[in-house]
């Protein structure tokens, strides 16, 4: 699959819950999560994010995150990843849900990004 979704949250249950919600409208879109730190604590870390990137079978990822400090780790992960990543500063739940539903419907990336633009909050 060419495009997938990566969800990054400080809380494991938030990331996994959002993945569950999104799978209702995008069952064929590969979605991986990095919820919490590698040792299961609240926060984010580079190793956990890199594992989620590598575990996603897509070669191109649409990336959504909850809080600003997650973005710092994502910026580093993006620099060292071979995958093309599009990181969106949008409402976490609404943005990821909309993007996944549109990916499921085979909507082009430029059209997805147009739909995400009004959801920018960060």
PDB file of N, CA and C in Angstrom:
ATOM      1  N   UNK A   1       0.846  -1.192   0.000  1.00  0.00           N
ATOM      2  CA  UNK A   1       0.000   0.000   0.000  1.00  0.00           C
ATOM      3  C   UNK A   1       0.877   1.235   0.000  1.00  0.00           C
ATOM      4  N   UNK A   2       0.499   2.206  -0.754  1.00  0.00           N
ATOM      5  CA  UNK A   2       1.298   3.410  -0.909  1.00  0.00           C
ATOM      6  C   UNK A   2       1.202   4.343   0.293  1.00  0.00           C
ATOM      7  N   UNK A   3      -0.011   4.536   0.852  1.00  0.00           N
ATOM      8  CA  UNK A   3      -0.170   5.492   1.953  1.00  0.00           C
ATOM      9  C   UNK A   3      -0.810   4.855   3.172  1.00  0.00           C
ATOM     10  N   UNK A   4      -0.303   5.271   4.339  1.00  0.00           N
ATOM     11  CA  UNK A   4      -0.839   4.800   5.601  1.00  0.00           C
ATOM     12  C   UNK A   4      -0.916   5.948   6.586  1.00  0.00           C
ATOM     13  N   UNK A   5      -1.344   5.631   7.786  1.00  0.00           N
ATOM     14  CA  UNK A   5      -1.531   6.614   8.857  1.00  0.00           C
ATOM     15  C   UNK A   5      -0.656   6.222  10.042  1.00  0.00           C
ATOM     16  N   UNK A   6      -0.028   7.231  10.645  1.00  0.00           N
ATOM     17  CA  UNK A   6       0.705   7.064  11.905  1.00  0.00           C
ATOM     18  C   UNK A   6       0.073   7.996  12.930  1.00  0.00           C
ATOM     19  N   UNK A   7      -0.284   7.438  14.082  1.00  0.00           N
ATOM     20  CA  UNK A   7      -0.867   8.206  15.184  1.00  0.00           C
ATOM     21  C   UNK A   7       0.128   8.246  16.333  1.00  0.00           C
ATOM     22  N   UNK A   8       0.438   9.438  16.816  1.00  0.00           N
ATOM     23  CA  UNK A   8       1.376   9.588  17.927  1.00  0.00           C
ATOM     24  C   UNK A   8       0.670  10.348  19.050  1.00  0.00           C
ATOM     25  N   UNK A   9       0.597   9.700  20.219  1.00  0.00           N
ATOM     26  CA  UNK A   9      -0.047  10.311  21.376  1.00  0.00           C
ATOM     27  C   UNK A   9       0.806  10.076  22.614  1.00  0.00           C
ATOM     28  N   UNK A  10       0.676  10.946  23.576  1.00  0.00           N
ATOM     29  CA  UNK A  10       1.368  10.790  24.850  1.00  0.00           C
ATOM     30  C   UNK A  10       0.782   9.645  25.688  1.00  0.00           C
ATOM     31  N   UNK A  11      -0.432   9.212  25.347  1.00  0.00           N
ATOM     32  CA  UNK A  11      -1.132   8.201  26.139  1.00  0.00           C
ATOM     33  C   UNK A  11      -1.455   7.000  25.243  1.00  0.00           C
ATOM     34  N   UNK A  12      -1.001   5.810  25.631  1.00  0.00           N
ATOM     35  CA  UNK A  12      -1.268   4.633  24.799  1.00  0.00           C
ATOM     36  C   UNK A  12      -2.751   4.420  24.490  1.00  0.00           C
ATOM     37  N   UNK A  13      -3.617   4.615  25.467  1.00  0.00           N
ATOM     38  CA  UNK A  13      -5.042   4.377  25.259  1.00  0.00           C
ATOM     39  C   UNK A  13      -5.651   5.362  24.259  1.00  0.00           C
ATOM     40  N   UNK A  14      -5.134   6.577  24.206  1.00  0.00           N
ATOM     41  CA  UNK A  14      -5.650   7.547  23.236  1.00  0.00           C
ATOM     42  C   UNK A  14      -5.295   7.094  21.824  1.00  0.00           C
ATOM     43  N   UNK A  15      -4.039   6.706  21.612  1.00  0.00           N
ATOM     44  CA  UNK A  15      -3.607   6.262  20.281  1.00  0.00           C
ATOM     45  C   UNK A  15      -4.370   5.010  19.846  1.00  0.00           C
ATOM     46  N   UNK A  16      -4.487   4.032  20.734  1.00  0.00           N
ATOM     47  CA  UNK A  16      -5.166   2.792  20.353  1.00  0.00           C
ATOM     48  C   UNK A  16      -6.665   3.011  20.180  1.00  0.00           C
ATOM     49  N   UNK A  17      -7.257   3.882  20.997  1.00  0.00           N
ATOM     50  CA  UNK A  17      -8.676   4.189  20.855  1.00  0.00           C
ATOM     51  C   UNK A  17      -8.979   4.881  19.544  1.00  0.00           C
ATOM     52  N   UNK A  18      -8.122   5.814  19.155  1.00  0.00           N
ATOM     53  CA  UNK A  18      -8.314   6.511  17.888  1.00  0.00           C
ATOM     54  C   UNK A  18      -8.139   5.536  16.724  1.00  0.00           C
ATOM     55  N   UNK A  19      -7.180   4.634  16.830  1.00  0.00           N
ATOM     56  CA  UNK A  19      -7.000   3.620  15.793  1.00  0.00           C
ATOM     57  C   UNK A  19      -8.275   2.773  15.651  1.00  0.00           C
ATOM     58  N   UNK A  20      -8.859   2.375  16.762  1.00  0.00           N
ATOM     59  CA  UNK A  20     -10.099   1.595  16.741  1.00  0.00           C
ATOM     60  C   UNK A  20     -11.218   2.371  16.059  1.00  0.00           C
ATOM     61  N   UNK A  21     -11.353   3.652  16.396  1.00  0.00           N
ATOM     62  CA  UNK A  21     -12.376   4.497  15.783  1.00  0.00           C
ATOM     63  C   UNK A  21     -12.166   4.604  14.277  1.00  0.00           C
ATOM     64  N   UNK A  22     -10.943   4.871  13.861  1.00  0.00           N
ATOM     65  CA  UNK A  22     -10.641   5.066  12.443  1.00  0.00           C
ATOM     66  C   UNK A  22     -10.879   3.789  11.633  1.00  0.00           C
ATOM     67  N   UNK A  23     -10.578   2.653  12.204  1.00  0.00           N
ATOM     68  CA  UNK A  23     -10.764   1.390  11.481  1.00  0.00           C
ATOM     69  C   UNK A  23     -12.227   1.157  11.105  1.00  0.00           C
ATOM     70  N   UNK A  24     -13.157   1.858  11.762  1.00  0.00           N
ATOM     71  CA  UNK A  24     -14.570   1.744  11.409  1.00  0.00           C
ATOM     72  C   UNK A  24     -14.845   2.318  10.028  1.00  0.00           C
ATOM     73  N   UNK A  25     -14.055   3.305   9.608  1.00  0.00           N
ATOM     74  CA  UNK A  25     -14.279   3.948   8.302  1.00  0.00           C
ATOM     75  C   UNK A  25     -13.153   3.698   7.312  1.00  0.00           C
ATOM     76  N   UNK A  26     -12.066   3.089   7.778  1.00  0.00           N
ATOM     77  CA  UNK A  26     -10.908   2.900   6.909  1.00  0.00           C
ATOM     78  C   UNK A  26     -10.251   1.555   7.193  1.00  0.00           C
ATOM     79  N   UNK A  27     -11.003   0.491   6.965  1.00  0.00           N
ATOM     80  CA  UNK A  27     -10.506  -0.842   7.333  1.00  0.00           C
ATOM     81  C   UNK A  27      -9.309  -1.293   6.509  1.00  0.00           C
ATOM     82  N   UNK A  28      -9.108  -0.721   5.324  1.00  0.00           N
ATOM     83  CA  UNK A  28      -8.009  -1.146   4.462  1.00  0.00           C
ATOM     84  C   UNK A  28      -6.772  -0.243   4.531  1.00  0.00           C
ATOM     85  N   UNK A  29      -6.852   0.816   5.319  1.00  0.00           N
ATOM     86  CA  UNK A  29      -5.720   1.747   5.453  1.00  0.00           C
ATOM     87  C   UNK A  29      -4.807   1.247   6.572  1.00  0.00           C
ATOM     88  N   UNK A  30      -3.507   1.062   6.282  1.00  0.00           N
ATOM     89  CA  UNK A  30      -2.604   0.635   7.354  1.00  0.00           C
ATOM     90  C   UNK A  30      -2.401   1.755   8.373  1.00  0.00           C
ATOM     91  N   UNK A  31      -2.666   1.434   9.633  1.00  0.00           N
ATOM     92  CA  UNK A  31      -2.546   2.416  10.710  1.00  0.00           C
ATOM     93  C   UNK A  31      -1.658   1.821  11.794  1.00  0.00           C
ATOM     94  N   UNK A  32      -0.628   2.572  12.166  1.00  0.00           N
ATOM     95  CA  UNK A  32       0.196   2.176  13.301  1.00  0.00           C
ATOM     96  C   UNK A  32       0.185   3.307  14.316  1.00  0.00           C
ATOM     97  N   UNK A  33       0.500   2.941  15.569  1.00  0.00           N
ATOM     98  CA  UNK A  33       0.453   3.925  16.639  1.00  0.00           C
ATOM     99  C   UNK A  33       1.738   3.907  17.458  1.00  0.00           C
ATOM    100  N   UNK A  34       2.056   5.064  17.983  1.00  0.00           N
ATOM    101  CA  UNK A  34       3.100   5.208  19.000  1.00  0.00           C
ATOM    102  C   UNK A  34       2.434   5.943  20.147  1.00  0.00           C
ATOM    103  N   UNK A  35       1.853   5.182  21.046  1.00  0.00           N
ATOM    104  CA  UNK A  35       1.168   5.751  22.201  1.00  0.00           C
ATOM    105  C   UNK A  35       2.023   5.591  23.437  1.00  0.00           C
ATOM    106  N   UNK A  36       2.359   6.703  24.066  1.00  0.00           N
ATOM    107  CA  UNK A  36       3.209   6.656  25.247  1.00  0.00           C
ATOM    108  C   UNK A  36       4.664   6.407  24.875  1.00  0.00           C
ATOM    109  N   UNK A  37       5.447   6.088  25.865  1.00  0.00           N
ATOM    110  CA  UNK A  37       6.877   5.837  25.653  1.00  0.00           C
ATOM    111  C   UNK A  37       7.115   4.341  25.441  1.00  0.00           C
ATOM    112  N   UNK A  38       8.334   3.996  25.075  1.00  0.00           N
ATOM    113  CA  UNK A  38       8.684   2.593  24.831  1.00  0.00           C
ATOM    114  C   UNK A  38       8.475   1.722  26.060  1.00  0.00           C
ATOM    115  N   UNK A  39       8.582   2.328  27.239  1.00  0.00           N
ATOM    116  CA  UNK A  39       8.394   1.550  28.468  1.00  0.00           C
ATOM    117  C   UNK A  39       6.989   1.725  29.066  1.00  0.00           C
ATOM    118  N   UNK A  40       6.047   2.218  28.256  1.00  0.00           N
ATOM    119  CA  UNK A  40       4.652   2.271  28.665  1.00  0.00           C
ATOM    120  C   UNK A  40       4.239   3.457  29.504  1.00  0.00           C
ATOM    121  N   UNK A  41       5.116   4.446  29.632  1.00  0.00           N
ATOM    122  CA  UNK A  41       4.780   5.631  30.429  1.00  0.00           C
ATOM    123  C   UNK A  41       4.119   6.700  29.567  1.00  0.00           C
ATOM    124  N   UNK A  42       3.617   7.733  30.233  1.00  0.00           N
ATOM    125  CA  UNK A  42       3.025   8.873  29.543  1.00  0.00           C
ATOM    126  C   UNK A  42       4.155   9.688  28.911  1.00  0.00           C
ATOM    127  N   UNK A  43       3.977  10.065  27.650  1.00  0.00           N
ATOM    128  CA  UNK A  43       4.985  10.837  26.925  1.00  0.00           C
ATOM    129  C   UNK A  43       5.191  10.237  25.542  1.00  0.00           C
ATOM    130  N   UNK A  44       6.237  10.692  24.877  1.00  0.00           N
ATOM    131  CA  UNK A  44       6.611  10.119  23.579  1.00  0.00           C
ATOM    132  C   UNK A  44       8.115   9.940  23.562  1.00  0.00           C
ATOM    133  N   UNK A  45       8.574   9.019  22.738  1.00  0.00           N
ATOM    134  CA  UNK A  45      10.022   8.907  22.545  1.00  0.00           C
ATOM    135  C   UNK A  45      10.327   8.449  21.124  1.00  0.00           C
ATOM    136  N   UNK A  46      11.511   8.780  20.699  1.00  0.00           N
ATOM    137  CA  UNK A  46      11.927   8.545  19.328  1.00  0.00           C
ATOM    138  C   UNK A  46      11.894   7.057  18.968  1.00  0.00           C
ATOM    139  N   UNK A  47      12.378   6.192  19.835  1.00  0.00           N
ATOM    140  CA  UNK A  47      12.422   4.760  19.529  1.00  0.00           C
ATOM    141  C   UNK A  47      11.023   4.200  19.267  1.00  0.00           C
ATOM    142  N   UNK A  48      10.072   4.597  20.081  1.00  0.00           N
ATOM    143  CA  UNK A  48       8.697   4.106  19.937  1.00  0.00           C
ATOM    144  C   UNK A  48       8.086   4.599  18.621  1.00  0.00           C
ATOM    145  N   UNK A  49       8.355   5.853  18.289  1.00  0.00           N
ATOM    146  CA  UNK A  49       7.842   6.428  17.042  1.00  0.00           C
ATOM    147  C   UNK A  49       8.486   5.734  15.839  1.00  0.00           C
ATOM    148  N   UNK A  50       9.801   5.516  15.898  1.00  0.00           N
ATOM    149  CA  UNK A  50      10.484   4.844  14.790  1.00  0.00           C
ATOM    150  C   UNK A  50       9.953   3.429  14.586  1.00  0.00           C
ATOM    151  N   UNK A  51       9.657   2.729  15.659  1.00  0.00           N
ATOM    152  CA  UNK A  51       9.103   1.379  15.543  1.00  0.00           C
ATOM    153  C   UNK A  51       7.748   1.427  14.837  1.00  0.00           C
ATOM    154  N   UNK A  52       6.909   2.384  15.191  1.00  0.00           N
ATOM    155  CA  UNK A  52       5.594   2.510  14.555  1.00  0.00           C
ATOM    156  C   UNK A  52       5.727   2.861  13.075  1.00  0.00           C
ATOM    157  N   UNK A  53       6.704   3.684  12.746  1.00  0.00           N
ATOM    158  CA  UNK A  53       6.966   4.016  11.338  1.00  0.00           C
ATOM    159  C   UNK A  53       7.368   2.752  10.589  1.00  0.00           C
ATOM    160  N   UNK A  54       8.319   2.027  11.137  1.00  0.00           N
ATOM    161  CA  UNK A  54       8.829   0.825  10.473  1.00  0.00           C
ATOM    162  C   UNK A  54       7.789  -0.290  10.399  1.00  0.00           C
ATOM    163  N   UNK A  55       6.902  -0.360  11.380  1.00  0.00           N
ATOM    164  CA  UNK A  55       5.869  -1.399  11.401  1.00  0.00           C
ATOM    165  C   UNK A  55       4.753  -1.140  10.393  1.00  0.00           C
ATOM    166  N   UNK A  56       4.638   0.090   9.926  1.00  0.00           N
ATOM    167  CA  UNK A  56       3.587   0.414   8.966  1.00  0.00           C
ATOM    168  C   UNK A  56       4.047  -0.021   7.575  1.00  0.00           C
ATOM    169  N   UNK A  57       3.268  -0.843   6.871  1.00  0.00           N
ATOM    170  CA  UNK A  57       3.700  -1.340   5.560  1.00  0.00           C
ATOM    171  C   UNK A  57       3.678  -0.292   4.444  1.00  0.00           C
ATOM    172  N   UNK A  58       3.068   0.853   4.690  1.00  0.00           N
ATOM    173  CA  UNK A  58       2.991   1.896   3.661  1.00  0.00           C
ATOM    174  C   UNK A  58       4.350   2.572   3.475  1.00  0.00           C
ATOM    175  N   UNK A  59       4.589   3.034   2.267  1.00  0.00           N
ATOM    176  CA  UNK A  59       5.838   3.743   1.972  1.00  0.00           C
ATOM    177  C   UNK A  59       5.715   5.242   2.223  1.00  0.00           C
ATOM    178  N   UNK A  60       4.487   5.710   2.380  1.00  0.00           N
ATOM    179  CA  UNK A  60       4.218   7.130   2.610  1.00  0.00           C
ATOM    180  C   UNK A  60       3.208   7.224   3.743  1.00  0.00           C
ATOM    181  N   UNK A  61       3.492   8.081   4.735  1.00  0.00           N
ATOM    182  CA  UNK A  61       2.654   8.158   5.926  1.00  0.00           C
ATOM    183  C   UNK A  61       2.065   9.543   6.131  1.00  0.00           C
ATOM    184  N   UNK A  62       0.792   9.576   6.472  1.00  0.00           N
ATOM    185  CA  UNK A  62       0.142  10.780   6.949  1.00  0.00           C
ATOM    186  C   UNK A  62       0.178  10.677   8.464  1.00  0.00           C
ATOM    187  N   UNK A  63       0.785  11.668   9.097  1.00  0.00           N
ATOM    188  CA  UNK A  63       1.108  11.571  10.522  1.00  0.00           C
ATOM    189  C   UNK A  63       0.315  12.610  11.319  1.00  0.00           C
ATOM    190  N   UNK A  64      -0.274  12.128  12.416  1.00  0.00           N
ATOM    191  CA  UNK A  64      -1.069  12.973  13.295  1.00  0.00           C
ATOM    192  C   UNK A  64      -0.592  12.777  14.726  1.00  0.00           C
ATOM    193  N   UNK A  65      -0.571  13.864  15.498  1.00  0.00           N
ATOM    194  CA  UNK A  65      -0.046  13.816  16.869  1.00  0.00           C
ATOM    195  C   UNK A  65      -0.914  14.667  17.779  1.00  0.00           C
ATOM    196  N   UNK A  66      -0.780  14.414  19.090  1.00  0.00           N
ATOM    197  CA  UNK A  66      -1.648  15.112  20.035  1.00  0.00           C
ATOM    198  C   UNK A  66      -1.067  16.428  20.562  1.00  0.00           C
ATOM    199  N   UNK A  67       0.167  16.437  21.013  1.00  0.00           N
ATOM    200  CA  UNK A  67       0.749  17.628  21.641  1.00  0.00           C
ATOM    201  C   UNK A  67       2.100  17.971  21.032  1.00  0.00           C
ATOM    202  N   UNK A  68       2.506  19.216  21.230  1.00  0.00           N
ATOM    203  CA  UNK A  68       3.711  19.739  20.600  1.00  0.00           C
ATOM    204  C   UNK A  68       4.993  18.979  20.837  1.00  0.00           C
ATOM    205  N   UNK A  69       5.173  18.420  22.028  1.00  0.00           N
ATOM    206  CA  UNK A  69       6.428  17.711  22.271  1.00  0.00           C
ATOM    207  C   UNK A  69       6.525  16.439  21.430  1.00  0.00           C
ATOM    208  N   UNK A  70       5.390  15.871  21.040  1.00  0.00           N
ATOM    209  CA  UNK A  70       5.405  14.725  20.124  1.00  0.00           C
ATOM    210  C   UNK A  70       5.965  15.150  18.777  1.00  0.00           C
ATOM    211  N   UNK A  71       5.679  16.380  18.382  1.00  0.00           N
ATOM    212  CA  UNK A  71       6.160  16.898  17.097  1.00  0.00           C
ATOM    213  C   UNK A  71       7.683  16.976  17.073  1.00  0.00           C
ATOM    214  N   UNK A  72       8.295  17.293  18.196  1.00  0.00           N
ATOM    215  CA  UNK A  72       9.764  17.351  18.240  1.00  0.00           C
ATOM    216  C   UNK A  72      10.360  15.983  17.923  1.00  0.00           C
ATOM    217  N   UNK A  73       9.826  14.930  18.522  1.00  0.00           N
ATOM    218  CA  UNK A  73      10.309  13.579  18.229  1.00  0.00           C
ATOM    219  C   UNK A  73       9.970  13.173  16.795  1.00  0.00           C
ATOM    220  N   UNK A  74       8.821  13.587  16.303  1.00  0.00           N
ATOM    221  CA  UNK A  74       8.453  13.284  14.920  1.00  0.00           C
ATOM    222  C   UNK A  74       9.400  13.948  13.933  1.00  0.00           C
ATOM    223  N   UNK A  75       9.808  15.178  14.231  1.00  0.00           N
ATOM    224  CA  UNK A  75      10.747  15.876  13.346  1.00  0.00           C
ATOM    225  C   UNK A  75      12.047  15.097  13.205  1.00  0.00           C
ATOM    226  N   UNK A  76      12.543  14.572  14.310  1.00  0.00           N
ATOM    227  CA  UNK A  76      13.781  13.771  14.270  1.00  0.00           C
ATOM    228  C   UNK A  76      13.535  12.469  13.515  1.00  0.00           C
ATOM    229  N   UNK A  77      12.432  11.804  13.810  1.00  0.00           N
ATOM    230  CA  UNK A  77      12.109  10.537  13.144  1.00  0.00           C
ATOM    231  C   UNK A  77      11.978  10.728  11.637  1.00  0.00           C
ATOM    232  N   UNK A  78      11.396  11.840  11.239  1.00  0.00           N
ATOM    233  CA  UNK A  78      11.213  12.132   9.817  1.00  0.00           C
ATOM    234  C   UNK A  78      12.563  12.286   9.115  1.00  0.00           C
ATOM    235  N   UNK A  79      13.521  12.895   9.798  1.00  0.00           N
ATOM    236  CA  UNK A  79      14.856  13.098   9.218  1.00  0.00           C
ATOM    237  C   UNK A  79      15.585  11.791   8.943  1.00  0.00           C
ATOM    238  N   UNK A  80      15.370  10.782   9.781  1.00  0.00           N
ATOM    239  CA  UNK A  80      16.121   9.533   9.659  1.00  0.00           C
ATOM    240  C   UNK A  80      15.331   8.409   8.981  1.00  0.00           C
ATOM    241  N   UNK A  81      14.078   8.660   8.654  1.00  0.00           N
ATOM    242  CA  UNK A  81      13.255   7.620   8.036  1.00  0.00           C
ATOM    243  C   UNK A  81      13.414   7.625   6.523  1.00  0.00           C
ATOM    244  N   UNK A  82      13.315   6.436   5.939  1.00  0.00           N
ATOM    245  CA  UNK A  82      13.315   6.305   4.482  1.00  0.00           C
ATOM    246  C   UNK A  82      11.930   6.566   3.899  1.00  0.00           C
ATOM    247  N   UNK A  83      10.911   6.582   4.744  1.00  0.00           N
ATOM    248  CA  UNK A  83       9.550   6.780   4.275  1.00  0.00           C
ATOM    249  C   UNK A  83       9.242   8.264   4.137  1.00  0.00           C
ATOM    250  N   UNK A  84       8.401   8.566   3.165  1.00  0.00           N
ATOM    251  CA  UNK A  84       7.934   9.938   3.027  1.00  0.00           C
ATOM    252  C   UNK A  84       6.852  10.158   4.073  1.00  0.00           C
ATOM    253  N   UNK A  85       7.007  11.233   4.853  1.00  0.00           N
ATOM    254  CA  UNK A  85       6.068  11.509   5.927  1.00  0.00           C
ATOM    255  C   UNK A  85       5.484  12.907   5.767  1.00  0.00           C
ATOM    256  N   UNK A  86       4.184  12.998   5.977  1.00  0.00           N
ATOM    257  CA  UNK A  86       3.471  14.276   5.956  1.00  0.00           C
ATOM    258  C   UNK A  86       2.911  14.464   7.362  1.00  0.00           C
ATOM    259  N   UNK A  87       3.464  15.401   8.108  1.00  0.00           N
ATOM    260  CA  UNK A  87       3.048  15.642   9.492  1.00  0.00           C
ATOM    261  C   UNK A  87       2.071  16.815   9.498  1.00  0.00           C
ATOM    262  N   UNK A  88       0.902  16.593  10.086  1.00  0.00           N
ATOM    263  CA  UNK A  88      -0.154  17.595  10.059  1.00  0.00           C
ATOM    264  C   UNK A  88      -0.395  18.192  11.442  1.00  0.00           C
ATOM    265  N   UNK A  89      -0.444  19.509  11.489  1.00  0.00           N
ATOM    266  CA  UNK A  89      -0.697  20.265  12.714  1.00  0.00           C
ATOM    267  C   UNK A  89      -2.192  20.553  12.823  1.00  0.00           C
ATOM    268  N   UNK A  90      -2.960  19.491  12.885  1.00  0.00           N
ATOM    269  CA  UNK A  90      -4.416  19.619  12.894  1.00  0.00           C
ATOM    270  C   UNK A  90      -4.986  18.969  14.151  1.00  0.00           C
ATOM    271  N   UNK A  91      -6.276  19.182  14.372  1.00  0.00           N
ATOM    272  CA  UNK A  91      -6.960  18.507  15.478  1.00  0.00           C
ATOM    273  C   UNK A  91      -6.721  17.005  15.331  1.00  0.00           C
ATOM    274  N   UNK A  92      -6.228  16.383  16.391  1.00  0.00           N
ATOM    275  CA  UNK A  92      -5.749  15.001  16.342  1.00  0.00           C
ATOM    276  C   UNK A  92      -6.836  14.021  15.883  1.00  0.00           C
ATOM    277  N   UNK A  93      -7.942  13.986  16.579  1.00  0.00           N
ATOM    278  CA  UNK A  93      -8.991  13.013  16.270  1.00  0.00           C
ATOM    279  C   UNK A  93      -9.636  13.326  14.924  1.00  0.00           C
ATOM    280  N   UNK A  94     -10.091  14.553  14.756  1.00  0.00           N
ATOM    281  CA  UNK A  94     -10.810  14.924  13.545  1.00  0.00           C
ATOM    282  C   UNK A  94      -9.937  14.811  12.305  1.00  0.00           C
ATOM    283  N   UNK A  95      -8.689  15.248  12.411  1.00  0.00           N
ATOM    284  CA  UNK A  95      -7.784  15.206  11.266  1.00  0.00           C
ATOM    285  C   UNK A  95      -7.458  13.789  10.835  1.00  0.00           C
ATOM    286  N   UNK A  96      -7.094  12.955  11.795  1.00  0.00           N
ATOM    287  CA  UNK A  96      -6.739  11.573  11.476  1.00  0.00           C
ATOM    288  C   UNK A  96      -7.947  10.816  10.927  1.00  0.00           C
ATOM    289  N   UNK A  97      -9.100  11.032  11.526  1.00  0.00           N
ATOM    290  CA  UNK A  97     -10.324  10.355  11.080  1.00  0.00           C
ATOM    291  C   UNK A  97     -10.675  10.755   9.641  1.00  0.00           C
ATOM    292  N   UNK A  98     -10.650  12.057   9.373  1.00  0.00           N
ATOM    293  CA  UNK A  98     -10.983  12.544   8.028  1.00  0.00           C
ATOM    294  C   UNK A  98      -9.993  12.023   6.993  1.00  0.00           C
ATOM    295  N   UNK A  99      -8.709  12.099   7.312  1.00  0.00           N
ATOM    296  CA  UNK A  99      -7.678  11.651   6.361  1.00  0.00           C
ATOM    297  C   UNK A  99      -7.817  10.159   6.067  1.00  0.00           C
ATOM    298  N   UNK A 100      -8.050   9.364   7.088  1.00  0.00           N
ATOM    299  CA  UNK A 100      -8.178   7.921   6.891  1.00  0.00           C
ATOM    300  C   UNK A 100      -9.401   7.579   6.040  1.00  0.00           C
ATOM    301  N   UNK A 101     -10.516   8.237   6.317  1.00  0.00           N
ATOM    302  CA  UNK A 101     -11.730   7.984   5.528  1.00  0.00           C
ATOM    303  C   UNK A 101     -11.503   8.350   4.071  1.00  0.00           C
ATOM    304  N   UNK A 102     -10.808   9.447   3.838  1.00  0.00           N
ATOM    305  CA  UNK A 102     -10.526   9.872   2.463  1.00  0.00           C
ATOM    306  C   UNK A 102      -9.532   8.934   1.784  1.00  0.00           C
ATOM    307  N   UNK A 103      -8.527   8.468   2.520  1.00  0.00           N
ATOM    308  CA  UNK A 103      -7.604   7.473   1.959  1.00  0.00           C
ATOM    309  C   UNK A 103      -8.357   6.210   1.566  1.00  0.00           C
ATOM    310  N   UNK A 104      -9.255   5.777   2.409  1.00  0.00           N
ATOM    311  CA  UNK A 104     -10.054   4.574   2.132  1.00  0.00           C
ATOM    312  C   UNK A 104     -10.841   4.741   0.837  1.00  0.00           C
ATOM    313  N   UNK A 105     -11.271   5.970   0.555  1.00  0.00           N
ATOM    314  CA  UNK A 105     -12.044   6.263  -0.657  1.00  0.00           C
ATOM    315  C   UNK A 105     -11.146   6.594  -1.847  1.00  0.00           C
ATOM    316  N   UNK A 106      -9.834   6.396  -1.691  1.00  0.00           N
ATOM    317  CA  UNK A 106      -8.855   6.645  -2.766  1.00  0.00           C
ATOM    318  C   UNK A 106      -8.823   8.100  -3.234  1.00  0.00           C
ATOM    319  N   UNK A 107      -9.016   9.016  -2.311  1.00  0.00           N
ATOM    320  CA  UNK A 107      -8.929  10.442  -2.619  1.00  0.00           C
ATOM    321  C   UNK A 107      -7.450  10.832  -2.701  1.00  0.00           C
ATOM    322  N   UNK A 108      -7.102  11.683  -3.643  1.00  0.00           N
ATOM    323  CA  UNK A 108      -5.719  12.118  -3.849  1.00  0.00           C
ATOM    324  C   UNK A 108      -5.223  12.953  -2.669  1.00  0.00           C
ATOM    325  N   UNK A 109      -3.912  12.906  -2.435  1.00  0.00           N
ATOM    326  CA  UNK A 109      -3.308  13.601  -1.299  1.00  0.00           C
ATOM    327  C   UNK A 109      -3.620  15.096  -1.300  1.00  0.00           C
ATOM    328  N   UNK A 110      -3.570  15.753  -2.442  1.00  0.00           N
ATOM    329  CA  UNK A 110      -3.835  17.195  -2.464  1.00  0.00           C
ATOM    330  C   UNK A 110      -5.267  17.503  -2.021  1.00  0.00           C
ATOM    331  N   UNK A 111      -6.196  16.628  -2.344  1.00  0.00           N
ATOM    332  CA  UNK A 111      -7.595  16.820  -1.914  1.00  0.00           C
ATOM    333  C   UNK A 111      -7.738  16.544  -0.420  1.00  0.00           C
ATOM    334  N   UNK A 112      -7.001  15.557   0.080  1.00  0.00           N
ATOM    335  CA  UNK A 112      -7.014  15.280   1.524  1.00  0.00           C
ATOM    336  C   UNK A 112      -6.470  16.486   2.277  1.00  0.00           C
ATOM    337  N   UNK A 113      -5.352  17.027   1.799  1.00  0.00           N
ATOM    338  CA  UNK A 113      -4.749  18.182   2.467  1.00  0.00           C
ATOM    339  C   UNK A 113      -5.674  19.397   2.437  1.00  0.00           C
ATOM    340  N   UNK A 114      -6.433  19.559   1.383  1.00  0.00           N
ATOM    341  CA  UNK A 114      -7.404  20.653   1.323  1.00  0.00           C
ATOM    342  C   UNK A 114      -8.481  20.477   2.407  1.00  0.00           C
ATOM    343  N   UNK A 115      -8.889  19.234   2.639  1.00  0.00           N
ATOM    344  CA  UNK A 115      -9.885  18.953   3.670  1.00  0.00           C
ATOM    345  C   UNK A 115      -9.318  19.164   5.077  1.00  0.00           C
ATOM    346  N   UNK A 116      -8.021  18.928   5.231  1.00  0.00           N
ATOM    347  CA  UNK A 116      -7.383  19.084   6.556  1.00  0.00           C
ATOM    348  C   UNK A 116      -7.108  20.541   6.909  1.00  0.00           C
ATOM    349  N   UNK A 117      -6.952  21.383   5.925  1.00  0.00           N
ATOM    350  CA  UNK A 117      -6.542  22.773   6.170  1.00  0.00           C
ATOM    351  C   UNK A 117      -7.419  23.498   7.201  1.00  0.00           C
ATOM    352  N   UNK A 118      -8.751  23.398   7.144  1.00  0.00           N
ATOM    353  CA  UNK A 118      -9.574  24.080   8.156  1.00  0.00           C
ATOM    354  C   UNK A 118      -9.432  23.505   9.562  1.00  0.00           C
ATOM    355  N   UNK A 119      -8.834  22.327   9.685  1.00  0.00           N
ATOM    356  CA  UNK A 119      -8.672  21.682  10.998  1.00  0.00           C
ATOM    357  C   UNK A 119      -7.367  22.047  11.688  1.00  0.00           C
ATOM    358  N   UNK A 120      -6.587  22.932  11.065  1.00  0.00           N
ATOM    359  CA  UNK A 120      -5.289  23.324  11.650  1.00  0.00           C
ATOM    360  C   UNK A 120      -5.523  24.026  12.977  1.00  0.00           C
ATOM    361  N   UNK A 121      -4.837  23.541  14.031  1.00  0.00           N
ATOM    362  CA  UNK A 121      -4.998  24.133  15.356  1.00  0.00           C
ATOM    363  C   UNK A 121      -3.661  24.356  16.063  1.00  0.00           C
ATOM    364  N   UNK A 122      -2.594  23.848  15.534  1.00  0.00           N
ATOM    365  CA  UNK A 122      -1.311  23.954  16.232  1.00  0.00           C
ATOM    366  C   UNK A 122      -0.380  24.901  15.494  1.00  0.00           C
TER     367      UNK A 122
END
